[in-house]
Amino acid sequence: HGGVFAPLVERLANEFTLHVVDLPGHGHSAATATPLALEAVVSEL
């Protein structure tokens, strides 16, 4: 899930606006209706 990037987020948050995603079915996106499929995920993002 997106929380795995915490060390990177800590180092880059002062230089970038970070959009950290939980992919469908993972982490806080467990209940999303978006399927874990290339086109569906990319279209939404």
All heavy atoms as atom14 arrays in JSON, in Angstrom:
{
  "sequence": "HGGVFAPLVERLANEFTLHVVDLPGHGHSAATATPLALEAVVSEL",
  "atom14_mask": [
    [1, 1, 1, 1, 1, 1, 1, 1, 1, 1, 0, 0, 0, 0],
    [1, 1, 1, 1, 0, 0, 0, 0, 0, 0, 0, 0, 0, 0],
    [1, 1, 1, 1, 0, 0, 0, 0, 0, 0, 0, 0, 0, 0],
    [1, 1, 1, 1, 1, 1, 1, 0, 0, 0, 0, 0, 0, 0],
    [1, 1, 1, 1, 1, 1, 1, 1, 1, 1, 1, 0, 0, 0],
    [1, 1, 1, 1, 1, 0, 0, 0, 0, 0, 0, 0, 0, 0],
    [1, 1, 1, 1, 1, 1, 1, 0, 0, 0, 0, 0, 0, 0],
    [1, 1, 1, 1, 1, 1, 1, 1, 0, 0, 0, 0, 0, 0],
    [1, 1, 1, 1, 1, 1, 1, 0, 0, 0, 0, 0, 0, 0],
    [1, 1, 1, 1, 1, 1, 1, 1, 1, 0, 0, 0, 0, 0],
    [1, 1, 1, 1, 1, 1, 1, 1, 1, 1, 1, 0, 0, 0],
    [1, 1, 1, 1, 1, 1, 1, 1, 0, 0, 0, 0, 0, 0],
    [1, 1, 1, 1, 1, 0, 0, 0, 0, 0, 0, 0, 0, 0],
    [1, 1, 1, 1, 1, 1, 1, 1, 0, 0, 0, 0, 0, 0],
    [1, 1, 1, 1, 1, 1, 1, 1, 1, 0, 0, 0, 0, 0],
    [1, 1, 1, 1, 1, 1, 1, 1, 1, 1, 1, 0, 0, 0],
    [1, 1, 1, 1, 1, 1, 1, 0, 0, 0, 0, 0, 0, 0],
    [1, 1, 1, 1, 1, 1, 1, 1, 0, 0, 0, 0, 0, 0],
    [1, 1, 1, 1, 1, 1, 1, 1, 1, 1, 0, 0, 0, 0],
    [1, 1, 1, 1, 1, 1, 1, 0, 0, 0, 0, 0, 0, 0],
    [1, 1, 1, 1, 1, 1, 1, 0, 0, 0, 0, 0, 0, 0],
    [1, 1, 1, 1, 1, 1, 1, 1, 0, 0, 0, 0, 0, 0],
    [1, 1, 1, 1, 1, 1, 1, 1, 0, 0, 0, 0, 0, 0],
    [1, 1, 1, 1, 1, 1, 1, 0, 0, 0, 0, 0, 0, 0],
    [1, 1, 1, 1, 0, 0, 0, 0, 0, 0, 0, 0, 0, 0],
    [1, 1, 1, 1, 1, 1, 1, 1, 1, 1, 0, 0, 0, 0],
    [1, 1, 1, 1, 0, 0, 0, 0, 0, 0, 0, 0, 0, 0],
    [1, 1, 1, 1, 1, 1, 1, 1, 1, 1, 0, 0, 0, 0],
    [1, 1, 1, 1, 1, 1, 0, 0, 0, 0, 0, 0, 0, 0],
    [1, 1, 1, 1, 1, 0, 0, 0, 0, 0, 0, 0, 0, 0],
    [1, 1, 1, 1, 1, 0, 0, 0, 0, 0, 0, 0, 0, 0],
    [1, 1, 1, 1, 1, 1, 1, 0, 0, 0, 0, 0, 0, 0],
    [1, 1, 1, 1, 1, 0, 0, 0, 0, 0, 0, 0, 0, 0],
    [1, 1, 1, 1, 1, 1, 1, 0, 0, 0, 0, 0, 0, 0],
    [1, 1, 1, 1, 1, 1, 1, 0, 0, 0, 0, 0, 0, 0],
    [1, 1, 1, 1, 1, 1, 1, 1, 0, 0, 0, 0, 0, 0],
    [1, 1, 1, 1, 1, 0, 0, 0, 0, 0, 0, 0, 0, 0],
    [1, 1, 1, 1, 1, 1, 1, 1, 0, 0, 0, 0, 0, 0],
    [1, 1, 1, 1, 1, 1, 1, 1, 1, 0, 0, 0, 0, 0],
    [1, 1, 1, 1, 1, 0, 0, 0, 0, 0, 0, 0, 0, 0],
    [1, 1, 1, 1, 1, 1, 1, 0, 0, 0, 0, 0, 0, 0],
    [1, 1, 1, 1, 1, 1, 1, 0, 0, 0, 0, 0, 0, 0],
    [1, 1, 1, 1, 1, 1, 0, 0, 0, 0, 0, 0, 0, 0],
    [1, 1, 1, 1, 1, 1, 1, 1, 1, 0, 0, 0, 0, 0],
    [1, 1, 1, 1, 1, 1, 1, 1, 0, 0, 0, 0, 0, 0]
  ],
  "atom14_positions": [
    [[0.87, -1.18, 0.0], [0.0, 0.0, 0.0], [0.9, 1.23, 0.0], [2.14, 1.11, 0.14], [-0.92, 0.01, 1.22], [-0.2, -0.2, 2.52], [0.53, 0.79, 3.14], [-0.08, -1.3, 3.3], [1.05, 0.32, 4.24], [0.72, -0.95, 4.37], [0.0, 0.0, 0.0], [0.0, 0.0, 0.0], [0.0, 0.0, 0.0], [0.0, 0.0, 0.0]],
    [[0.3, 2.4, -0.15], [1.1, 3.61, -0.28], [1.95, 3.94, 0.94], [2.97, 4.62, 0.82], [0.0, 0.0, 0.0], [0.0, 0.0, 0.0], [0.0, 0.0, 0.0], [0.0, 0.0, 0.0], [0.0, 0.0, 0.0], [0.0, 0.0, 0.0], [0.0, 0.0, 0.0], [0.0, 0.0, 0.0], [0.0, 0.0, 0.0], [0.0, 0.0, 0.0]],
    [[1.58, 3.42, 2.1], [2.35, 3.69, 3.3], [3.77, 3.18, 3.25], [4.63, 3.65, 4.0], [0.0, 0.0, 0.0], [0.0, 0.0, 0.0], [0.0, 0.0, 0.0], [0.0, 0.0, 0.0], [0.0, 0.0, 0.0], [0.0, 0.0, 0.0], [0.0, 0.0, 0.0], [0.0, 0.0, 0.0], [0.0, 0.0, 0.0], [0.0, 0.0, 0.0]],
    [[4.03, 2.24, 2.36], [5.39, 1.69, 2.25], [6.39, 2.74, 1.8], [7.6, 2.62, 2.03], [5.39, 0.47, 1.28], [5.28, 0.93, -0.17], [6.61, -0.41, 1.49], [0.0, 0.0, 0.0], [0.0, 0.0, 0.0], [0.0, 0.0, 0.0], [0.0, 0.0, 0.0], [0.0, 0.0, 0.0], [0.0, 0.0, 0.0], [0.0, 0.0, 0.0]],
    [[5.9, 3.82, 1.17], [6.8, 4.87, 0.67], [7.17, 5.9, 1.74], [7.77, 6.94, 1.42], [6.13, 5.62, -0.49], [6.06, 4.84, -1.76], [4.83, 4.57, -2.36], [7.21, 4.38, -2.39], [4.75, 3.87, -3.55], [7.14, 3.67, -3.59], [5.91, 3.41, -4.16], [0.0, 0.0, 0.0], [0.0, 0.0, 0.0], [0.0, 0.0, 0.0]],
    [[6.86, 5.65, 3.0], [7.08, 6.66, 4.06], [8.5, 7.23, 4.08], [8.67, 8.45, 4.2], [6.73, 6.05, 5.43], [0.0, 0.0, 0.0], [0.0, 0.0, 0.0], [0.0, 0.0, 0.0], [0.0, 0.0, 0.0], [0.0, 0.0, 0.0], [0.0, 0.0, 0.0], [0.0, 0.0, 0.0], [0.0, 0.0, 0.0], [0.0, 0.0, 0.0]],
    [[9.57, 6.43, 3.92], [10.91, 7.03, 3.93], [11.14, 8.01, 2.79], [11.83, 9.01, 2.94], [11.85, 5.82, 3.81], [11.04, 4.66, 4.31], [9.64, 4.95, 3.87], [0.0, 0.0, 0.0], [0.0, 0.0, 0.0], [0.0, 0.0, 0.0], [0.0, 0.0, 0.0], [0.0, 0.0, 0.0], [0.0, 0.0, 0.0], [0.0, 0.0, 0.0]],
    [[10.54, 7.71, 1.63], [10.68, 8.59, 0.48], [9.84, 9.85, 0.66], [10.28, 10.96, 0.33], [10.26, 7.83, -0.78], [10.84, 8.26, -2.12], [12.35, 8.31, -2.09], [10.34, 7.32, -3.21], [0.0, 0.0, 0.0], [0.0, 0.0, 0.0], [0.0, 0.0, 0.0], [0.0, 0.0, 0.0], [0.0, 0.0, 0.0], [0.0, 0.0, 0.0]],
    [[8.63, 9.69, 1.18], [7.76, 10.84, 1.45], [8.44, 11.81, 2.41], [8.41, 13.04, 2.23], [6.41, 10.36, 2.01], [5.59, 11.54, 2.53], [5.63, 9.61, 0.93], [0.0, 0.0, 0.0], [0.0, 0.0, 0.0], [0.0, 0.0, 0.0], [0.0, 0.0, 0.0], [0.0, 0.0, 0.0], [0.0, 0.0, 0.0], [0.0, 0.0, 0.0]],
    [[9.06, 11.28, 3.45], [9.74, 12.11, 4.43], [10.82, 12.97, 3.79], [11.01, 14.13, 4.15], [10.36, 11.22, 5.51], [11.1, 11.97, 6.59], [11.74, 11.04, 7.61], [11.49, 9.82, 7.54], [12.49, 11.53, 8.47], [0.0, 0.0, 0.0], [0.0, 0.0, 0.0], [0.0, 0.0, 0.0], [0.0, 0.0, 0.0], [0.0, 0.0, 0.0]],
    [[11.52, 12.41, 2.8], [12.63, 13.13, 2.18], [12.19, 14.1, 1.09], [12.94, 15.02, 0.76], [13.62, 12.11, 1.6], [14.45, 11.43, 2.68], [15.07, 10.12, 2.18], [15.95, 9.56, 3.2], [15.52, 8.86, 4.26], [14.22, 8.66, 4.43], [16.39, 8.37, 5.13], [0.0, 0.0, 0.0], [0.0, 0.0, 0.0], [0.0, 0.0, 0.0]],
    [[11.02, 13.91, 0.52], [10.63, 14.68, -0.66], [9.46, 15.64, -0.44], [9.14, 16.43, -1.33], [10.29, 13.73, -1.81], [11.43, 12.86, -2.32], [10.92, 11.89, -3.4], [12.56, 13.71, -2.89], [0.0, 0.0, 0.0], [0.0, 0.0, 0.0], [0.0, 0.0, 0.0], [0.0, 0.0, 0.0], [0.0, 0.0, 0.0], [0.0, 0.0, 0.0]],
    [[8.84, 15.59, 0.73], [7.61, 16.38, 0.94], [7.85, 17.87, 0.9], [6.91, 18.65, 0.65], [6.95, 15.99, 2.26], [0.0, 0.0, 0.0], [0.0, 0.0, 0.0], [0.0, 0.0, 0.0], [0.0, 0.0, 0.0], [0.0, 0.0, 0.0], [0.0, 0.0, 0.0], [0.0, 0.0, 0.0], [0.0, 0.0, 0.0], [0.0, 0.0, 0.0]],
    [[9.08, 18.32, 1.13], [9.37, 19.75, 1.06], [9.67, 20.22, -0.35], [9.82, 21.43, -0.58], [10.55, 20.1, 1.97], [10.21, 19.99, 3.44], [9.05, 20.18, 3.83], [11.19, 19.64, 4.25], [0.0, 0.0, 0.0], [0.0, 0.0, 0.0], [0.0, 0.0, 0.0], [0.0, 0.0, 0.0], [0.0, 0.0, 0.0], [0.0, 0.0, 0.0]],
    [[9.75, 19.29, -1.3], [10.13, 19.64, -2.67], [9.08, 19.27, -3.7], [9.09, 19.78, -4.82], [11.44, 18.92, -3.02], [12.59, 19.25, -2.08], [13.72, 18.27, -2.22], [14.34, 18.23, -3.31], [14.0, 17.53, -1.27], [0.0, 0.0, 0.0], [0.0, 0.0, 0.0], [0.0, 0.0, 0.0], [0.0, 0.0, 0.0], [0.0, 0.0, 0.0]],
    [[8.17, 18.36, -3.35], [7.13, 17.91, -4.28], [5.79, 17.85, -3.55], [5.74, 17.64, -2.34], [7.44, 16.49, -4.78], [8.69, 16.37, -5.6], [9.91, 16.09, -4.99], [8.66, 16.52, -6.98], [11.07, 15.98, -5.74], [9.81, 16.41, -7.73], [11.02, 16.14, -7.12], [0.0, 0.0, 0.0], [0.0, 0.0, 0.0], [0.0, 0.0, 0.0]],
    [[4.71, 18.03, -4.32], [3.39, 17.68, -3.82], [3.19, 16.21, -4.14], [3.08, 15.82, -5.3], [2.29, 18.53, -4.49], [2.52, 19.91, -4.2], [0.92, 18.13, -3.97], [0.0, 0.0, 0.0], [0.0, 0.0, 0.0], [0.0, 0.0, 0.0], [0.0, 0.0, 0.0], [0.0, 0.0, 0.0], [0.0, 0.0, 0.0], [0.0, 0.0, 0.0]],
    [[3.16, 15.38, -3.11], [3.14, 13.93, -3.26], [1.71, 13.41, -3.25], [0.93, 13.72, -2.35], [3.94, 13.28, -2.14], [5.42, 13.7, -2.08], [6.02, 13.37, -0.73], [6.2, 13.03, -3.19], [0.0, 0.0, 0.0], [0.0, 0.0, 0.0], [0.0, 0.0, 0.0], [0.0, 0.0, 0.0], [0.0, 0.0, 0.0], [0.0, 0.0, 0.0]],
    [[1.39, 12.64, -4.27], [0.08, 11.98, -4.36], [0.35, 10.48, -4.21], [0.77, 9.82, -5.16], [-0.59, 12.29, -5.69], [-0.8, 13.75, -5.94], [-1.94, 14.42, -5.54], [-0.02, 14.68, -6.54], [-1.85, 15.69, -5.87], [-0.69, 15.87, -6.49], [0.0, 0.0, 0.0], [0.0, 0.0, 0.0], [0.0, 0.0, 0.0], [0.0, 0.0, 0.0]],
    [[0.13, 9.96, -3.0], [0.49, 8.59, -2.67], [-0.77, 7.73, -2.73], [-1.71, 7.91, -1.96], [1.14, 8.51, -1.28], [1.67, 7.09, -1.04], [2.27, 9.53, -1.16], [0.0, 0.0, 0.0], [0.0, 0.0, 0.0], [0.0, 0.0, 0.0], [0.0, 0.0, 0.0], [0.0, 0.0, 0.0], [0.0, 0.0, 0.0], [0.0, 0.0, 0.0]],
    [[-0.76, 6.78, -3.64], [-1.96, 6.0, -3.99], [-1.98, 4.66, -3.26], [-0.95, 4.01, -3.11], [-1.99, 5.76, -5.51], [-3.2, 4.89, -5.9], [-2.0, 7.08, -6.26], [0.0, 0.0, 0.0], [0.0, 0.0, 0.0], [0.0, 0.0, 0.0], [0.0, 0.0, 0.0], [0.0, 0.0, 0.0], [0.0, 0.0, 0.0], [0.0, 0.0, 0.0]],
    [[-3.17, 4.26, -2.81], [-3.43, 2.86, -2.46], [-4.18, 2.26, -3.65], [-5.31, 2.67, -3.96], [-4.3, 2.75, -1.21], [-3.52, 2.97, 0.08], [-2.3, 3.19, 0.01], [-4.15, 2.93, 1.16], [0.0, 0.0, 0.0], [0.0, 0.0, 0.0], [0.0, 0.0, 0.0], [0.0, 0.0, 0.0], [0.0, 0.0, 0.0], [0.0, 0.0, 0.0]],
    [[-3.57, 1.31, -4.33], [-4.2, 0.69, -5.48], [-5.47, -0.06, -5.08], [-5.64, -0.44, -3.91], [-3.22, -0.27, -6.16], [-2.05, 0.39, -6.9], [-1.0, -0.65, -7.3], [-2.55, 1.15, -8.13], [0.0, 0.0, 0.0], [0.0, 0.0, 0.0], [0.0, 0.0, 0.0], [0.0, 0.0, 0.0], [0.0, 0.0, 0.0], [0.0, 0.0, 0.0]],
    [[-6.39, -0.29, -6.01], [-7.65, -0.97, -5.68], [-7.45, -2.29, -4.93], [-6.59, -3.09, -5.29], [-8.28, -1.21, -7.05], [-7.77, -0.1, -7.9], [-6.35, 0.12, -7.42], [0.0, 0.0, 0.0], [0.0, 0.0, 0.0], [0.0, 0.0, 0.0], [0.0, 0.0, 0.0], [0.0, 0.0, 0.0], [0.0, 0.0, 0.0], [0.0, 0.0, 0.0]],
    [[-8.23, -2.45, -3.87], [-8.15, -3.66, -3.08], [-7.04, -3.66, -2.05], [-6.92, -4.6, -1.26], [0.0, 0.0, 0.0], [0.0, 0.0, 0.0], [0.0, 0.0, 0.0], [0.0, 0.0, 0.0], [0.0, 0.0, 0.0], [0.0, 0.0, 0.0], [0.0, 0.0, 0.0], [0.0, 0.0, 0.0], [0.0, 0.0, 0.0], [0.0, 0.0, 0.0]],
    [[-6.23, -2.61, -2.02], [-5.09, -2.52, -1.11], [-5.29, -1.37, -0.13], [-5.78, -0.3, -0.51], [-3.79, -2.3, -1.88], [-3.44, -3.39, -2.82], [-4.08, -3.59, -4.02], [-2.48, -4.35, -2.75], [-3.54, -4.63, -4.64], [-2.58, -5.12, -3.89], [0.0, 0.0, 0.0], [0.0, 0.0, 0.0], [0.0, 0.0, 0.0], [0.0, 0.0, 0.0]],
    [[-4.83, -1.55, 1.11], [-4.84, -0.47, 2.09], [-6.2, 0.19, 2.24], [-7.23, -0.48, 2.38], [0.0, 0.0, 0.0], [0.0, 0.0, 0.0], [0.0, 0.0, 0.0], [0.0, 0.0, 0.0], [0.0, 0.0, 0.0], [0.0, 0.0, 0.0], [0.0, 0.0, 0.0], [0.0, 0.0, 0.0], [0.0, 0.0, 0.0], [0.0, 0.0, 0.0]],
    [[-6.2, 1.52, 2.16], [-7.44, 2.28, 2.33], [-8.34, 2.24, 1.1], [-9.42, 2.84, 1.12], [-7.11, 3.73, 2.68], [-6.37, 3.89, 3.98], [-6.68, 3.17, 5.1], [-5.33, 4.7, 4.33], [-5.87, 3.51, 6.1], [-5.04, 4.44, 5.65], [0.0, 0.0, 0.0], [0.0, 0.0, 0.0], [0.0, 0.0, 0.0], [0.0, 0.0, 0.0]],
    [[-7.89, 1.58, 0.03], [-8.73, 1.41, -1.16], [-9.37, 0.03, -1.21], [-9.78, -0.44, -2.27], [-7.9, 1.61, -2.43], [-7.44, 2.94, -2.55], [0.0, 0.0, 0.0], [0.0, 0.0, 0.0], [0.0, 0.0, 0.0], [0.0, 0.0, 0.0], [0.0, 0.0, 0.0], [0.0, 0.0, 0.0], [0.0, 0.0, 0.0], [0.0, 0.0, 0.0]],
    [[-9.47, -0.63, -0.06], [-10.01, -1.99, -0.02], [-11.43, -2.07, -0.57], [-11.81, -3.07, -1.2], [-9.96, -2.53, 1.41], [0.0, 0.0, 0.0], [0.0, 0.0, 0.0], [0.0, 0.0, 0.0], [0.0, 0.0, 0.0], [0.0, 0.0, 0.0], [0.0, 0.0, 0.0], [0.0, 0.0, 0.0], [0.0, 0.0, 0.0], [0.0, 0.0, 0.0]],
    [[-12.22, -1.02, -0.34], [-13.63, -1.09, -0.73], [-13.94, -0.35, -2.02], [-15.12, -0.21, -2.39], [-14.5, -0.52, 0.4], [0.0, 0.0, 0.0], [0.0, 0.0, 0.0], [0.0, 0.0, 0.0], [0.0, 0.0, 0.0], [0.0, 0.0, 0.0], [0.0, 0.0, 0.0], [0.0, 0.0, 0.0], [0.0, 0.0, 0.0], [0.0, 0.0, 0.0]],
    [[-12.94, 0.13, -2.75], [-13.22, 0.87, -3.97], [-13.87, -0.01, -5.02], [-13.63, -1.21, -5.09], [-11.92, 1.47, -4.54], [-12.25, 2.26, -5.7], [-10.94, 0.4, -4.97], [0.0, 0.0, 0.0], [0.0, 0.0, 0.0], [0.0, 0.0, 0.0], [0.0, 0.0, 0.0], [0.0, 0.0, 0.0], [0.0, 0.0, 0.0], [0.0, 0.0, 0.0]],
    [[-14.7, 0.62, -5.86], [-15.32, -0.11, -6.97], [-14.4, -0.19, -8.18], [-14.69, -0.94, -9.12], [-16.63, 0.58, -7.36], [0.0, 0.0, 0.0], [0.0, 0.0, 0.0], [0.0, 0.0, 0.0], [0.0, 0.0, 0.0], [0.0, 0.0, 0.0], [0.0, 0.0, 0.0], [0.0, 0.0, 0.0], [0.0, 0.0, 0.0], [0.0, 0.0, 0.0]],
    [[-13.3, 0.54, -8.18], [-12.36, 0.51, -9.29], [-11.64, -0.83, -9.33], [-11.07, -1.25, -8.32], [-11.32, 1.64, -9.17], [-12.01, 2.89, -9.03], [-10.41, 1.68, -10.38], [0.0, 0.0, 0.0], [0.0, 0.0, 0.0], [0.0, 0.0, 0.0], [0.0, 0.0, 0.0], [0.0, 0.0, 0.0], [0.0, 0.0, 0.0], [0.0, 0.0, 0.0]],
    [[-11.65, -1.52, -10.45], [-10.94, -2.81, -10.52], [-9.43, -2.62, -10.6], [-8.94, -1.56, -11.02], [-11.47, -3.45, -11.8], [-11.88, -2.28, -12.66], [-12.35, -1.21, -11.72], [0.0, 0.0, 0.0], [0.0, 0.0, 0.0], [0.0, 0.0, 0.0], [0.0, 0.0, 0.0], [0.0, 0.0, 0.0], [0.0, 0.0, 0.0], [0.0, 0.0, 0.0]],
    [[-8.71, -3.64, -10.19], [-7.25, -3.62, -10.31], [-6.9, -3.99, -11.75], [-6.55, -5.13, -12.06], [-6.61, -4.59, -9.32], [-5.08, -4.52, -9.24], [-4.63, -3.2, -8.62], [-4.52, -5.71, -8.44], [0.0, 0.0, 0.0], [0.0, 0.0, 0.0], [0.0, 0.0, 0.0], [0.0, 0.0, 0.0], [0.0, 0.0, 0.0], [0.0, 0.0, 0.0]],
    [[-7.0, -3.0, -12.63], [-6.75, -3.2, -14.07], [-6.08, -1.94, -14.6], [-6.37, -0.83, -14.14], [-8.06, -3.46, -14.8], [0.0, 0.0, 0.0], [0.0, 0.0, 0.0], [0.0, 0.0, 0.0], [0.0, 0.0, 0.0], [0.0, 0.0, 0.0], [0.0, 0.0, 0.0], [0.0, 0.0, 0.0], [0.0, 0.0, 0.0], [0.0, 0.0, 0.0]],
    [[-5.19, -2.11, -15.56], [-4.37, -1.0, -16.03], [-5.22, 0.2, -16.44], [-5.01, 1.32, -15.98], [-3.49, -1.44, -17.2], [-2.36, -2.42, -16.89], [-1.57, -2.73, -18.16], [-1.42, -1.86, -15.82], [0.0, 0.0, 0.0], [0.0, 0.0, 0.0], [0.0, 0.0, 0.0], [0.0, 0.0, 0.0], [0.0, 0.0, 0.0], [0.0, 0.0, 0.0]],
    [[-6.15, 0.0, -17.36], [-6.9, 1.13, -17.91], [-7.79, 1.78, -16.87], [-7.87, 3.01, -16.79], [-7.72, 0.66, -19.11], [-8.51, 1.76, -19.8], [-7.64, 2.92, -20.31], [-6.43, 2.7, -20.57], [-8.17, 4.03, -20.44], [0.0, 0.0, 0.0], [0.0, 0.0, 0.0], [0.0, 0.0, 0.0], [0.0, 0.0, 0.0], [0.0, 0.0, 0.0]],
    [[-8.46, 0.99, -16.04], [-9.37, 1.56, -15.04], [-8.61, 2.41, -14.03], [-9.03, 3.53, -13.7], [-10.11, 0.43, -14.33], [0.0, 0.0, 0.0], [0.0, 0.0, 0.0], [0.0, 0.0, 0.0], [0.0, 0.0, 0.0], [0.0, 0.0, 0.0], [0.0, 0.0, 0.0], [0.0, 0.0, 0.0], [0.0, 0.0, 0.0], [0.0, 0.0, 0.0]],
    [[-7.48, 1.93, -13.55], [-6.71, 2.66, -12.56], [-6.12, 3.93, -13.16], [-6.21, 5.02, -12.58], [-5.59, 1.76, -11.98], [-4.61, 2.59, -11.15], [-6.2, 0.65, -11.14], [0.0, 0.0, 0.0], [0.0, 0.0, 0.0], [0.0, 0.0, 0.0], [0.0, 0.0, 0.0], [0.0, 0.0, 0.0], [0.0, 0.0, 0.0], [0.0, 0.0, 0.0]],
    [[-5.51, 3.82, -14.33], [-4.87, 4.97, -14.96], [-5.9, 6.02, -15.33], [-5.66, 7.23, -15.16], [-4.06, 4.52, -16.18], [-3.65, 5.71, -17.04], [-2.83, 3.74, -15.73], [0.0, 0.0, 0.0], [0.0, 0.0, 0.0], [0.0, 0.0, 0.0], [0.0, 0.0, 0.0], [0.0, 0.0, 0.0], [0.0, 0.0, 0.0], [0.0, 0.0, 0.0]],
    [[-7.05, 5.6, -15.8], [-8.11, 6.55, -16.16], [-8.53, 7.37, -14.95], [-8.67, 8.6, -15.04], [-9.31, 5.79, -16.74], [-10.37, 6.69, -17.02], [0.0, 0.0, 0.0], [0.0, 0.0, 0.0], [0.0, 0.0, 0.0], [0.0, 0.0, 0.0], [0.0, 0.0, 0.0], [0.0, 0.0, 0.0], [0.0, 0.0, 0.0], [0.0, 0.0, 0.0]],
    [[-8.73, 6.72, -13.82], [-9.14, 7.45, -12.62], [-8.04, 8.38, -12.12], [-8.3, 9.54, -11.77], [-9.54, 6.48, -11.51], [-9.97, 7.19, -10.24], [-10.5, 6.27, -9.17], [-10.91, 5.14, -9.49], [-10.5, 6.7, -7.99], [0.0, 0.0, 0.0], [0.0, 0.0, 0.0], [0.0, 0.0, 0.0], [0.0, 0.0, 0.0], [0.0, 0.0, 0.0]],
    [[-6.82, 7.9, -12.09], [-5.73, 8.73, -11.58], [-5.48, 9.94, -12.47], [-5.25, 11.05, -11.97], [-4.45, 7.9, -11.46], [-4.46, 6.81, -10.39], [-3.17, 6.02, -10.42], [-4.69, 7.41, -9.0], [0.0, 0.0, 0.0], [0.0, 0.0, 0.0], [0.0, 0.0, 0.0], [0.0, 0.0, 0.0], [0.0, 0.0, 0.0], [0.0, 0.0, 0.0]]
  ]
}
